[in-house]
Amino acid sequence: MKSKLSTISCILLLCLILAAHTLILLMMGRIPWCTCGHFQIWMGEAWSSHTSQHLLDPYSFSHVQHGILFFFVLYLCRVRPALGFWIACFTEVAWEILENSSIIIERYRSATA
């Protein structure tokens, strides 16, 4: 029974982290979905104005890769796998929040426009 409670607790904690992430982005003025009126789960065009406006885009894979890389580095540093998972999750959420800050967005726009 202990492992089942532990699994449920982990799922709830992960949902809490994602909810906090979403709330922070909303407080930063980020919209939760594209205002174009189209519901798309996947946006495959990396250079489209719709990139980062839908649930998944080509950059989604880089976020998964970051998490795996963070976890692997922590594993090499002898951090327990369960703790490494949570550190990787928090690090990736923090990265995403930083990436969506006005300073980073303006820098990206000025460098790629």
PDB file of N, CA and C in Angstrom:
ATOM      1  N   MET A   1       0.812  -1.200   0.000  1.00  0.00           N
ATOM      2  CA  MET A   1       0.000   0.000   0.000  1.00  0.00           C
ATOM      3  C   MET A   1       0.861   1.272   0.000  1.00  0.00           C
ATOM      4  N   LYS A   2       2.037   1.173   0.628  1.00  0.00           N
ATOM      5  CA  LYS A   2       2.901   2.345   0.709  1.00  0.00           C
ATOM      6  C   LYS A   2       3.331   2.833  -0.668  1.00  0.00           C
ATOM      7  N   SER A   3       3.703   1.916  -1.571  1.00  0.00           N
ATOM      8  CA  SER A   3       4.163   2.337  -2.885  1.00  0.00           C
ATOM      9  C   SER A   3       3.036   2.966  -3.693  1.00  0.00           C
ATOM     10  N   LYS A   4       1.791   2.507  -3.519  1.00  0.00           N
ATOM     11  CA  LYS A   4       0.667   3.091  -4.225  1.00  0.00           C
ATOM     12  C   LYS A   4       0.414   4.518  -3.731  1.00  0.00           C
ATOM     13  N   LEU A   5       0.475   4.713  -2.421  1.00  0.00           N
ATOM     14  CA  LEU A   5       0.340   6.064  -1.877  1.00  0.00           C
ATOM     15  C   LEU A   5       1.461   6.950  -2.393  1.00  0.00           C
ATOM     16  N   SER A   6       2.639   6.388  -2.448  1.00  0.00           N
ATOM     17  CA  SER A   6       3.787   7.134  -2.928  1.00  0.00           C
ATOM     18  C   SER A   6       3.599   7.536  -4.387  1.00  0.00           C
ATOM     19  N   THR A   7       3.070   6.634  -5.203  1.00  0.00           N
ATOM     20  CA  THR A   7       2.829   6.927  -6.608  1.00  0.00           C
ATOM     21  C   THR A   7       1.773   8.022  -6.750  1.00  0.00           C
ATOM     22  N   ILE A   8       0.699   7.903  -5.993  1.00  0.00           N
ATOM     23  CA  ILE A   8      -0.359   8.916  -6.036  1.00  0.00           C
ATOM     24  C   ILE A   8       0.177  10.261  -5.586  1.00  0.00           C
ATOM     25  N   SER A   9       0.984  10.263  -4.552  1.00  0.00           N
ATOM     26  CA  SER A   9       1.583  11.510  -4.062  1.00  0.00           C
ATOM     27  C   SER A   9       2.474  12.142  -5.122  1.00  0.00           C
ATOM     28  N   CYS A  10       3.236  11.321  -5.814  1.00  0.00           N
ATOM     29  CA  CYS A  10       4.120  11.835  -6.868  1.00  0.00           C
ATOM     30  C   CYS A  10       3.315  12.434  -8.011  1.00  0.00           C
ATOM     31  N   ILE A  11       2.248  11.767  -8.404  1.00  0.00           N
ATOM     32  CA  ILE A  11       1.402  12.289  -9.484  1.00  0.00           C
ATOM     33  C   ILE A  11       0.771  13.612  -9.063  1.00  0.00           C
ATOM     34  N   LEU A  12       0.301  13.674  -7.825  1.00  0.00           N
ATOM     35  CA  LEU A  12      -0.293  14.930  -7.334  1.00  0.00           C
ATOM     36  C   LEU A  12       0.740  16.048  -7.270  1.00  0.00           C
ATOM     37  N   LEU A  13       1.943  15.730  -6.826  1.00  0.00           N
ATOM     38  CA  LEU A  13       2.998  16.740  -6.765  1.00  0.00           C
ATOM     39  C   LEU A  13       3.363  17.232  -8.161  1.00  0.00           C
ATOM     40  N   LEU A  14       3.444  16.327  -9.116  1.00  0.00           N
ATOM     41  CA  LEU A  14       3.745  16.716 -10.491  1.00  0.00           C
ATOM     42  C   LEU A  14       2.638  17.619 -11.046  1.00  0.00           C
ATOM     43  N   CYS A  15       1.379  17.281 -10.760  1.00  0.00           N
ATOM     44  CA  CYS A  15       0.253  18.128 -11.189  1.00  0.00           C
ATOM     45  C   CYS A  15       0.326  19.495 -10.520  1.00  0.00           C
ATOM     46  N   LEU A  16       0.714  19.535  -9.264  1.00  0.00           N
ATOM     47  CA  LEU A  16       0.859  20.803  -8.548  1.00  0.00           C
ATOM     48  C   LEU A  16       1.964  21.658  -9.170  1.00  0.00           C
ATOM     49  N   ILE A  17       3.074  21.032  -9.526  1.00  0.00           N
ATOM     50  CA  ILE A  17       4.176  21.759 -10.173  1.00  0.00           C
ATOM     51  C   ILE A  17       3.705  22.348 -11.503  1.00  0.00           C
ATOM     52  N   LEU A  18       3.005  21.546 -12.302  1.00  0.00           N
ATOM     53  CA  LEU A  18       2.515  22.029 -13.598  1.00  0.00           C
ATOM     54  C   LEU A  18       1.461  23.119 -13.436  1.00  0.00           C
ATOM     55  N   ALA A  19       0.606  22.999 -12.420  1.00  0.00           N
ATOM     56  CA  ALA A  19      -0.395  24.034 -12.164  1.00  0.00           C
ATOM     57  C   ALA A  19       0.284  25.341 -11.739  1.00  0.00           C
ATOM     58  N   ALA A  20       1.287  25.243 -10.875  1.00  0.00           N
ATOM     59  CA  ALA A  20       2.025  26.440 -10.454  1.00  0.00           C
ATOM     60  C   ALA A  20       2.734  27.070 -11.652  1.00  0.00           C
ATOM     61  N   HIS A  21       3.315  26.259 -12.500  1.00  0.00           N
ATOM     62  CA  HIS A  21       3.978  26.735 -13.713  1.00  0.00           C
ATOM     63  C   HIS A  21       2.994  27.505 -14.583  1.00  0.00           C
ATOM     64  N   THR A  22       1.831  26.922 -14.801  1.00  0.00           N
ATOM     65  CA  THR A  22       0.794  27.569 -15.611  1.00  0.00           C
ATOM     66  C   THR A  22       0.341  28.884 -14.981  1.00  0.00           C
ATOM     67  N   LEU A  23       0.124  28.879 -13.686  1.00  0.00           N
ATOM     68  CA  LEU A  23      -0.307  30.091 -12.987  1.00  0.00           C
ATOM     69  C   LEU A  23       0.741  31.196 -13.091  1.00  0.00           C
ATOM     70  N   ILE A  24       2.003  30.852 -12.939  1.00  0.00           N
ATOM     71  CA  ILE A  24       3.077  31.843 -13.056  1.00  0.00           C
ATOM     72  C   ILE A  24       3.104  32.442 -14.457  1.00  0.00           C
ATOM     73  N   LEU A  25       2.981  31.587 -15.480  1.00  0.00           N
ATOM     74  CA  LEU A  25       2.968  32.096 -16.854  1.00  0.00           C
ATOM     75  C   LEU A  25       1.760  33.000 -17.105  1.00  0.00           C
ATOM     76  N   LEU A  26       0.610  32.642 -16.560  1.00  0.00           N
ATOM     77  CA  LEU A  26      -0.579  33.497 -16.694  1.00  0.00           C
ATOM     78  C   LEU A  26      -0.365  34.841 -15.998  1.00  0.00           C
ATOM     79  N   MET A  27       0.272  34.813 -14.831  1.00  0.00           N
ATOM     80  CA  MET A  27       0.554  36.057 -14.094  1.00  0.00           C
ATOM     81  C   MET A  27       1.565  36.918 -14.840  1.00  0.00           C
ATOM     82  N   MET A  28       2.394  36.286 -15.675  1.00  0.00           N
ATOM     83  CA  MET A  28       3.363  37.029 -16.487  1.00  0.00           C
ATOM     84  C   MET A  28       2.700  37.607 -17.741  1.00  0.00           C
ATOM     85  N   GLY A  29       1.413  37.322 -17.928  1.00  0.00           N
ATOM     86  CA  GLY A  29       0.693  37.854 -19.072  1.00  0.00           C
ATOM     87  C   GLY A  29       0.709  36.953 -20.292  1.00  0.00           C
ATOM     88  N   ARG A  30       1.195  35.742 -20.139  1.00  0.00           N
ATOM     89  CA  ARG A  30       1.216  34.807 -21.259  1.00  0.00           C
ATOM     90  C   ARG A  30      -0.169  34.208 -21.429  1.00  0.00           C
ATOM     91  N   ILE A  31      -0.602  34.079 -22.665  1.00  0.00           N
ATOM     92  CA  ILE A  31      -1.910  33.487 -22.932  1.00  0.00           C
ATOM     93  C   ILE A  31      -1.781  31.966 -22.922  1.00  0.00           C
ATOM     94  N   PRO A  32      -2.819  31.266 -22.453  1.00  0.00           N
ATOM     95  CA  PRO A  32      -2.698  29.811 -22.357  1.00  0.00           C
ATOM     96  C   PRO A  32      -2.828  29.086 -23.695  1.00  0.00           C
ATOM     97  N   TRP A  33      -3.419  29.716 -24.700  1.00  0.00           N
ATOM     98  CA  TRP A  33      -3.619  29.072 -25.988  1.00  0.00           C
ATOM     99  C   TRP A  33      -3.616  30.125 -27.078  1.00  0.00           C
ATOM    100  N   CYS A  34      -3.427  29.739 -28.279  1.00  0.00           N
ATOM    101  CA  CYS A  34      -3.372  30.641 -29.425  1.00  0.00           C
ATOM    102  C   CYS A  34      -4.686  31.407 -29.589  1.00  0.00           C
ATOM    103  N   THR A  35      -4.604  32.677 -29.889  1.00  0.00           N
ATOM    104  CA  THR A  35      -5.804  33.496 -30.097  1.00  0.00           C
ATOM    105  C   THR A  35      -6.339  33.391 -31.517  1.00  0.00           C
ATOM    106  N   CYS A  36      -5.727  32.535 -32.339  1.00  0.00           N
ATOM    107  CA  CYS A  36      -6.137  32.400 -33.740  1.00  0.00           C
ATOM    108  C   CYS A  36      -7.497  31.728 -33.890  1.00  0.00           C
ATOM    109  N   GLY A  37      -7.966  31.065 -32.849  1.00  0.00           N
ATOM    110  CA  GLY A  37      -9.259  30.400 -32.907  1.00  0.00           C
ATOM    111  C   GLY A  37      -9.192  28.953 -33.347  1.00  0.00           C
ATOM    112  N   HIS A  38      -8.018  28.482 -33.718  1.00  0.00           N
ATOM    113  CA  HIS A  38      -7.854  27.084 -34.122  1.00  0.00           C
ATOM    114  C   HIS A  38      -7.327  26.273 -32.958  1.00  0.00           C
ATOM    115  N   PHE A  39      -7.934  25.129 -32.727  1.00  0.00           N
ATOM    116  CA  PHE A  39      -7.455  24.224 -31.687  1.00  0.00           C
ATOM    117  C   PHE A  39      -6.516  23.212 -32.314  1.00  0.00           C
ATOM    118  N   GLN A  40      -5.239  23.366 -32.076  1.00  0.00           N
ATOM    119  CA  GLN A  40      -4.247  22.432 -32.588  1.00  0.00           C
ATOM    120  C   GLN A  40      -3.382  21.949 -31.440  1.00  0.00           C
ATOM    121  N   ILE A  41      -3.251  20.657 -31.326  1.00  0.00           N
ATOM    122  CA  ILE A  41      -2.359  20.114 -30.301  1.00  0.00           C
ATOM    123  C   ILE A  41      -0.914  20.221 -30.785  1.00  0.00           C
ATOM    124  N   TRP A  42      -0.671  19.952 -32.059  1.00  0.00           N
ATOM    125  CA  TRP A  42       0.673  19.974 -32.626  1.00  0.00           C
ATOM    126  C   TRP A  42       0.800  21.082 -33.659  1.00  0.00           C
ATOM    127  N   MET A  43       1.836  21.897 -33.536  1.00  0.00           N
ATOM    128  CA  MET A  43       2.182  22.909 -34.534  1.00  0.00           C
ATOM    129  C   MET A  43       3.579  22.546 -35.025  1.00  0.00           C
ATOM    130  N   GLY A  44       3.659  22.034 -36.237  1.00  0.00           N
ATOM    131  CA  GLY A  44       4.922  21.511 -36.743  1.00  0.00           C
ATOM    132  C   GLY A  44       5.848  22.523 -37.378  1.00  0.00           C
ATOM    133  N   GLU A  45       5.399  23.741 -37.581  1.00  0.00           N
ATOM    134  CA  GLU A  45       6.229  24.761 -38.231  1.00  0.00           C
ATOM    135  C   GLU A  45       7.023  25.531 -37.180  1.00  0.00           C
ATOM    136  N   ALA A  46       8.329  25.363 -37.196  1.00  0.00           N
ATOM    137  CA  ALA A  46       9.174  25.986 -36.181  1.00  0.00           C
ATOM    138  C   ALA A  46       9.246  27.508 -36.314  1.00  0.00           C
ATOM    139  N   TRP A  47       9.090  28.043 -37.522  1.00  0.00           N
ATOM    140  CA  TRP A  47       9.241  29.488 -37.733  1.00  0.00           C
ATOM    141  C   TRP A  47       7.904  30.191 -37.939  1.00  0.00           C
ATOM    142  N   SER A  48       6.827  29.542 -37.591  1.00  0.00           N
ATOM    143  CA  SER A  48       5.495  30.115 -37.745  1.00  0.00           C
ATOM    144  C   SER A  48       5.175  31.055 -36.583  1.00  0.00           C
ATOM    145  N   SER A  49       4.250  31.979 -36.816  1.00  0.00           N
ATOM    146  CA  SER A  49       3.791  32.846 -35.719  1.00  0.00           C
ATOM    147  C   SER A  49       2.971  32.046 -34.709  1.00  0.00           C
ATOM    148  N   HIS A  50       2.622  30.818 -35.061  1.00  0.00           N
ATOM    149  CA  HIS A  50       1.853  29.958 -34.155  1.00  0.00           C
ATOM    150  C   HIS A  50       2.748  29.098 -33.267  1.00  0.00           C
ATOM    151  N   THR A  51       4.048  29.122 -33.502  1.00  0.00           N
ATOM    152  CA  THR A  51       4.965  28.353 -32.671  1.00  0.00           C
ATOM    153  C   THR A  51       4.872  28.844 -31.235  1.00  0.00           C
ATOM    154  N   SER A  52       4.876  27.925 -30.314  1.00  0.00           N
ATOM    155  CA  SER A  52       4.749  28.186 -28.877  1.00  0.00           C
ATOM    156  C   SER A  52       3.372  28.725 -28.496  1.00  0.00           C
ATOM    157  N   GLN A  53       2.417  28.610 -29.383  1.00  0.00           N
ATOM    158  CA  GLN A  53       1.064  29.062 -29.099  1.00  0.00           C
ATOM    159  C   GLN A  53       0.104  27.886 -28.916  1.00  0.00           C
ATOM    160  N   HIS A  54       0.578  26.687 -29.171  1.00  0.00           N
ATOM    161  CA  HIS A  54      -0.232  25.487 -29.039  1.00  0.00           C
ATOM    162  C   HIS A  54       0.453  24.546 -28.058  1.00  0.00           C
ATOM    163  N   LEU A  55      -0.180  23.431 -27.758  1.00  0.00           N
ATOM    164  CA  LEU A  55       0.339  22.536 -26.731  1.00  0.00           C
ATOM    165  C   LEU A  55       1.732  22.005 -27.058  1.00  0.00           C
ATOM    166  N   LEU A  56       1.929  21.543 -28.272  1.00  0.00           N
ATOM    167  CA  LEU A  56       3.215  20.959 -28.665  1.00  0.00           C
ATOM    168  C   LEU A  56       3.722  21.594 -29.951  1.00  0.00           C
ATOM    169  N   ASP A  57       5.028  21.782 -30.018  1.00  0.00           N
ATOM    170  CA  ASP A  57       5.675  22.275 -31.229  1.00  0.00           C
ATOM    171  C   ASP A  57       7.070  21.657 -31.287  1.00  0.00           C
ATOM    172  N   PRO A  58       7.847  21.953 -32.328  1.00  0.00           N
ATOM    173  CA  PRO A  58       9.171  21.329 -32.408  1.00  0.00           C
ATOM    174  C   PRO A  58      10.058  21.593 -31.181  1.00  0.00           C
ATOM    175  N   TYR A  59       9.829  22.681 -30.480  1.00  0.00           N
ATOM    176  CA  TYR A  59      10.637  22.993 -29.299  1.00  0.00           C
ATOM    177  C   TYR A  59      10.262  22.144 -28.095  1.00  0.00           C
ATOM    178  N   SER A  60       9.101  21.506 -28.129  1.00  0.00           N
ATOM    179  CA  SER A  60       8.675  20.640 -27.021  1.00  0.00           C
ATOM    180  C   SER A  60       9.686  19.524 -26.795  1.00  0.00           C
ATOM    181  N   PHE A  61      10.250  19.019 -27.892  1.00  0.00           N
ATOM    182  CA  PHE A  61      11.225  17.940 -27.763  1.00  0.00           C
ATOM    183  C   PHE A  61      12.484  18.412 -27.036  1.00  0.00           C
ATOM    184  N   SER A  62      12.868  19.671 -27.232  1.00  0.00           N
ATOM    185  CA  SER A  62      14.057  20.167 -26.539  1.00  0.00           C
ATOM    186  C   SER A  62      13.817  20.234 -25.028  1.00  0.00           C
ATOM    187  N   HIS A  63      12.587  20.518 -24.627  1.00  0.00           N
ATOM    188  CA  HIS A  63      12.280  20.552 -23.187  1.00  0.00           C
ATOM    189  C   HIS A  63      12.384  19.154 -22.577  1.00  0.00           C
ATOM    190  N   VAL A  64      11.906  18.168 -23.301  1.00  0.00           N
ATOM    191  CA  VAL A  64      12.036  16.786 -22.828  1.00  0.00           C
ATOM    192  C   VAL A  64      13.515  16.404 -22.764  1.00  0.00           C
ATOM    193  N   GLN A  65      14.277  16.795 -23.775  1.00  0.00           N
ATOM    194  CA  GLN A  65      15.709  16.498 -23.784  1.00  0.00           C
ATOM    195  C   GLN A  65      16.432  17.186 -22.627  1.00  0.00           C
ATOM    196  N   HIS A  66      16.046  18.426 -22.314  1.00  0.00           N
ATOM    197  CA  HIS A  66      16.654  19.112 -21.163  1.00  0.00           C
ATOM    198  C   HIS A  66      16.420  18.308 -19.893  1.00  0.00           C
ATOM    199  N   GLY A  67      15.177  17.880 -19.697  1.00  0.00           N
ATOM    200  CA  GLY A  67      14.847  17.115 -18.492  1.00  0.00           C
ATOM    201  C   GLY A  67      15.654  15.840 -18.390  1.00  0.00           C
ATOM    202  N   ILE A  68      15.784  15.128 -19.502  1.00  0.00           N
ATOM    203  CA  ILE A  68      16.574  13.890 -19.509  1.00  0.00           C
ATOM    204  C   ILE A  68      18.036  14.204 -19.220  1.00  0.00           C
ATOM    205  N   LEU A  69      18.550  15.267 -19.825  1.00  0.00           N
ATOM    206  CA  LEU A  69      19.944  15.652 -19.595  1.00  0.00           C
ATOM    207  C   LEU A  69      20.179  16.045 -18.135  1.00  0.00           C
ATOM    208  N   PHE A  70      19.277  16.856 -17.560  1.00  0.00           N
ATOM    209  CA  PHE A  70      19.408  17.238 -16.151  1.00  0.00           C
ATOM    210  C   PHE A  70      19.407  15.991 -15.265  1.00  0.00           C
ATOM    211  N   PHE A  71      18.470  15.086 -15.538  1.00  0.00           N
ATOM    212  CA  PHE A  71      18.375  13.853 -14.757  1.00  0.00           C
ATOM    213  C   PHE A  71      19.665  13.044 -14.869  1.00  0.00           C
ATOM    214  N   PHE A  72      20.213  12.903 -16.084  1.00  0.00           N
ATOM    215  CA  PHE A  72      21.427  12.128 -16.311  1.00  0.00           C
ATOM    216  C   PHE A  72      22.624  12.747 -15.578  1.00  0.00           C
ATOM    217  N   VAL A  73      22.760  14.056 -15.659  1.00  0.00           N
ATOM    218  CA  VAL A  73      23.861  14.726 -14.960  1.00  0.00           C
ATOM    219  C   VAL A  73      23.746  14.517 -13.450  1.00  0.00           C
ATOM    220  N   LEU A  74      22.532  14.633 -12.930  1.00  0.00           N
ATOM    221  CA  LEU A  74      22.322  14.389 -11.498  1.00  0.00           C
ATOM    222  C   LEU A  74      22.629  12.940 -11.133  1.00  0.00           C
ATOM    223  N   TYR A  75      22.262  12.021 -12.016  1.00  0.00           N
ATOM    224  CA  TYR A  75      22.563  10.606 -11.793  1.00  0.00           C
ATOM    225  C   TYR A  75      24.078  10.399 -11.730  1.00  0.00           C
ATOM    226  N   LEU A  76      24.818  11.045 -12.630  1.00  0.00           N
ATOM    227  CA  LEU A  76      26.281  10.928 -12.613  1.00  0.00           C
ATOM    228  C   LEU A  76      26.879  11.523 -11.341  1.00  0.00           C
ATOM    229  N   CYS A  77      26.183  12.490 -10.768  1.00  0.00           N
ATOM    230  CA  CYS A  77      26.636  13.109  -9.515  1.00  0.00           C
ATOM    231  C   CYS A  77      26.177  12.318  -8.289  1.00  0.00           C
ATOM    232  N   ARG A  78      25.653  11.133  -8.544  1.00  0.00           N
ATOM    233  CA  ARG A  78      25.215  10.214  -7.482  1.00  0.00           C
ATOM    234  C   ARG A  78      24.003  10.708  -6.695  1.00  0.00           C
ATOM    235  N   VAL A  79      23.166  11.514  -7.337  1.00  0.00           N
ATOM    236  CA  VAL A  79      21.918  11.934  -6.709  1.00  0.00           C
ATOM    237  C   VAL A  79      20.921  10.789  -6.876  1.00  0.00           C
ATOM    238  N   ARG A  80      20.181  10.492  -5.820  1.00  0.00           N
ATOM    239  CA  ARG A  80      19.182   9.417  -5.898  1.00  0.00           C
ATOM    240  C   ARG A  80      18.222   9.686  -7.056  1.00  0.00           C
ATOM    241  N   PRO A  81      17.839   8.656  -7.810  1.00  0.00           N
ATOM    242  CA  PRO A  81      16.976   8.849  -8.979  1.00  0.00           C
ATOM    243  C   PRO A  81      15.671   9.592  -8.683  1.00  0.00           C
ATOM    244  N   ALA A  82      15.020   9.281  -7.575  1.00  0.00           N
ATOM    245  CA  ALA A  82      13.755   9.965  -7.256  1.00  0.00           C
ATOM    246  C   ALA A  82      13.990  11.458  -7.038  1.00  0.00           C
ATOM    247  N   LEU A  83      15.047  11.797  -6.322  1.00  0.00           N
ATOM    248  CA  LEU A  83      15.365  13.204  -6.091  1.00  0.00           C
ATOM    249  C   LEU A  83      15.799  13.867  -7.398  1.00  0.00           C
ATOM    250  N   GLY A  84      16.558  13.145  -8.208  1.00  0.00           N
ATOM    251  CA  GLY A  84      16.995  13.672  -9.500  1.00  0.00           C
ATOM    252  C   GLY A  84      15.817  14.000 -10.404  1.00  0.00           C
ATOM    253  N   PHE A  85      14.783  13.152 -10.363  1.00  0.00           N
ATOM    254  CA  PHE A  85      13.582  13.406 -11.155  1.00  0.00           C
ATOM    255  C   PHE A  85      12.948  14.732 -10.754  1.00  0.00           C
ATOM    256  N   TRP A  86      12.797  14.965  -9.457  1.00  0.00           N
ATOM    257  CA  TRP A  86      12.152  16.203  -8.999  1.00  0.00           C
ATOM    258  C   TRP A  86      13.020  17.422  -9.275  1.00  0.00           C
ATOM    259  N   ILE A  87      14.317  17.298  -9.101  1.00  0.00           N
ATOM    260  CA  ILE A  87      15.212  18.417  -9.423  1.00  0.00           C
ATOM    261  C   ILE A  87      15.134  18.731 -10.917  1.00  0.00           C
ATOM    262  N   ALA A  88      15.111  17.701 -11.755  1.00  0.00           N
ATOM    263  CA  ALA A  88      14.996  17.909 -13.203  1.00  0.00           C
ATOM    264  C   ALA A  88      13.674  18.577 -13.552  1.00  0.00           C
ATOM    265  N   CYS A  89      12.588  18.157 -12.909  1.00  0.00           N
ATOM    266  CA  CYS A  89      11.276  18.777 -13.158  1.00  0.00           C
ATOM    267  C   CYS A  89      11.283  20.255 -12.783  1.00  0.00           C
ATOM    268  N   PHE A  90      11.763  20.563 -11.577  1.00  0.00           N
ATOM    269  CA  PHE A  90      11.811  21.960 -11.126  1.00  0.00           C
ATOM    270  C   PHE A  90      12.724  22.795 -12.023  1.00  0.00           C
ATOM    271  N   THR A  91      13.857  22.230 -12.412  1.00  0.00           N
ATOM    272  CA  THR A  91      14.791  22.957 -13.265  1.00  0.00           C
ATOM    273  C   THR A  91      14.168  23.266 -14.619  1.00  0.00           C
ATOM    274  N   GLU A  92      13.475  22.297 -15.199  1.00  0.00           N
ATOM    275  CA  GLU A  92      12.849  22.514 -16.500  1.00  0.00           C
ATOM    276  C   GLU A  92      11.715  23.527 -16.419  1.00  0.00           C
ATOM    277  N   VAL A  93      10.946  23.497 -15.343  1.00  0.00           N
ATOM    278  CA  VAL A  93       9.880  24.491 -15.157  1.00  0.00           C
ATOM    279  C   VAL A  93      10.490  25.886 -14.993  1.00  0.00           C
ATOM    280  N   ALA A  94      11.551  25.982 -14.206  1.00  0.00           N
ATOM    281  CA  ALA A  94      12.221  27.278 -14.033  1.00  0.00           C
ATOM    282  C   ALA A  94      12.779  27.775 -15.370  1.00  0.00           C
ATOM    283  N   TRP A  95      13.336  26.874 -16.158  1.00  0.00           N
ATOM    284  CA  TRP A  95      13.863  27.213 -17.485  1.00  0.00           C
ATOM    285  C   TRP A  95      12.741  27.759 -18.362  1.00  0.00           C
ATOM    286  N   GLU A  96      11.603  27.099 -18.352  1.00  0.00           N
ATOM    287  CA  GLU A  96      10.463  27.514 -19.172  1.00  0.00           C
ATOM    288  C   GLU A  96       9.950  28.894 -18.745  1.00  0.00           C
ATOM    289  N   ILE A  97       9.917  29.147 -17.449  1.00  0.00           N
ATOM    290  CA  ILE A  97       9.475  30.460 -16.956  1.00  0.00           C
ATOM    291  C   ILE A  97      10.466  31.534 -17.383  1.00  0.00           C
ATOM    292  N   LEU A  98      11.758  31.262 -17.231  1.00  0.00           N
ATOM    293  CA  LEU A  98      12.778  32.212 -17.682  1.00  0.00           C
ATOM    294  C   LEU A  98      12.668  32.446 -19.182  1.00  0.00           C
ATOM    295  N   GLU A  99      12.473  31.388 -19.929  1.00  0.00           N
ATOM    296  CA  GLU A  99      12.370  31.472 -21.379  1.00  0.00           C
ATOM    297  C   GLU A  99      11.171  32.321 -21.818  1.00  0.00           C
ATOM    298  N   ASN A 100      10.144  32.375 -21.008  1.00  0.00           N
ATOM    299  CA  ASN A 100       8.952  33.155 -21.326  1.00  0.00           C
ATOM    300  C   ASN A 100       8.955  34.540 -20.689  1.00  0.00           C
ATOM    301  N   SER A 101      10.069  34.930 -20.093  1.00  0.00           N
ATOM    302  CA  SER A 101      10.148  36.272 -19.515  1.00  0.00           C
ATOM    303  C   SER A 101      10.274  37.302 -20.636  1.00  0.00           C
ATOM    304  N   SER A 102       9.842  38.503 -20.362  1.00  0.00           N
ATOM    305  CA  SER A 102       9.863  39.565 -21.371  1.00  0.00           C
ATOM    306  C   SER A 102      11.277  39.831 -21.895  1.00  0.00           C
ATOM    307  N   ILE A 103      12.259  39.785 -21.025  1.00  0.00           N
ATOM    308  CA  ILE A 103      13.643  40.058 -21.428  1.00  0.00           C
ATOM    309  C   ILE A 103      14.112  39.045 -22.469  1.00  0.00           C
ATOM    310  N   ILE A 104      13.863  37.769 -22.228  1.00  0.00           N
ATOM    311  CA  ILE A 104      14.294  36.722 -23.158  1.00  0.00           C
ATOM    312  C   ILE A 104      13.504  36.812 -24.463  1.00  0.00           C
ATOM    313  N   ILE A 105      12.207  37.034 -24.383  1.00  0.00           N
ATOM    314  CA  ILE A 105      11.387  37.126 -25.594  1.00  0.00           C
ATOM    315  C   ILE A 105      11.831  38.305 -26.451  1.00  0.00           C
ATOM    316  N   GLU A 106      12.060  39.456 -25.848  1.00  0.00           N
ATOM    317  CA  GLU A 106      12.509  40.627 -26.617  1.00  0.00           C
ATOM    318  C   GLU A 106      13.888  40.397 -27.219  1.00  0.00           C
ATOM    319  N   ARG A 107      14.764  39.753 -26.477  1.00  0.00           N
ATOM    320  CA  ARG A 107      16.102  39.442 -27.002  1.00  0.00           C
ATOM    321  C   ARG A 107      15.999  38.498 -28.202  1.00  0.00           C
ATOM    322  N   TYR A 108      15.157  37.496 -28.079  1.00  0.00           N
ATOM    323  CA  TYR A 108      14.966  36.543 -29.168  1.00  0.00           C
ATOM    324  C   TYR A 108      14.389  37.237 -30.402  1.00  0.00           C
ATOM    325  N   ARG A 109      13.405  38.115 -30.200  1.00  0.00           N
ATOM    326  CA  ARG A 109      12.792  38.819 -31.316  1.00  0.00           C
ATOM    327  C   ARG A 109      13.799  39.728 -32.011  1.00  0.00           C
ATOM    328  N   SER A 110      14.620  40.427 -31.236  1.00  0.00           N
ATOM    329  CA  SER A 110      15.584  41.347 -31.847  1.00  0.00           C
ATOM    330  C   SER A 110      16.705  40.580 -32.567  1.00  0.00           C
ATOM    331  N   ALA A 111      17.044  39.405 -32.086  1.00  0.00           N
ATOM    332  CA  ALA A 111      18.118  38.630 -32.701  1.00  0.00           C
ATOM    333  C   ALA A 111      17.658  37.847 -33.931  1.00  0.00           C
ATOM    334  N   THR A 112      16.375  37.547 -34.014  1.00  0.00           N
ATOM    335  CA  THR A 112      15.898  36.712 -35.126  1.00  0.00           C
ATOM    336  C   THR A 112      15.021  37.465 -36.110  1.00  0.00           C
ATOM    337  N   ALA A 113      14.713  38.708 -35.829  1.00  0.00           N
ATOM    338  CA  ALA A 113      13.810  39.461 -36.729  1.00  0.00           C
ATOM    339  C   ALA A 113      14.519  39.958 -37.951  1.00  0.00           C
TER     340      ALA A 113
END
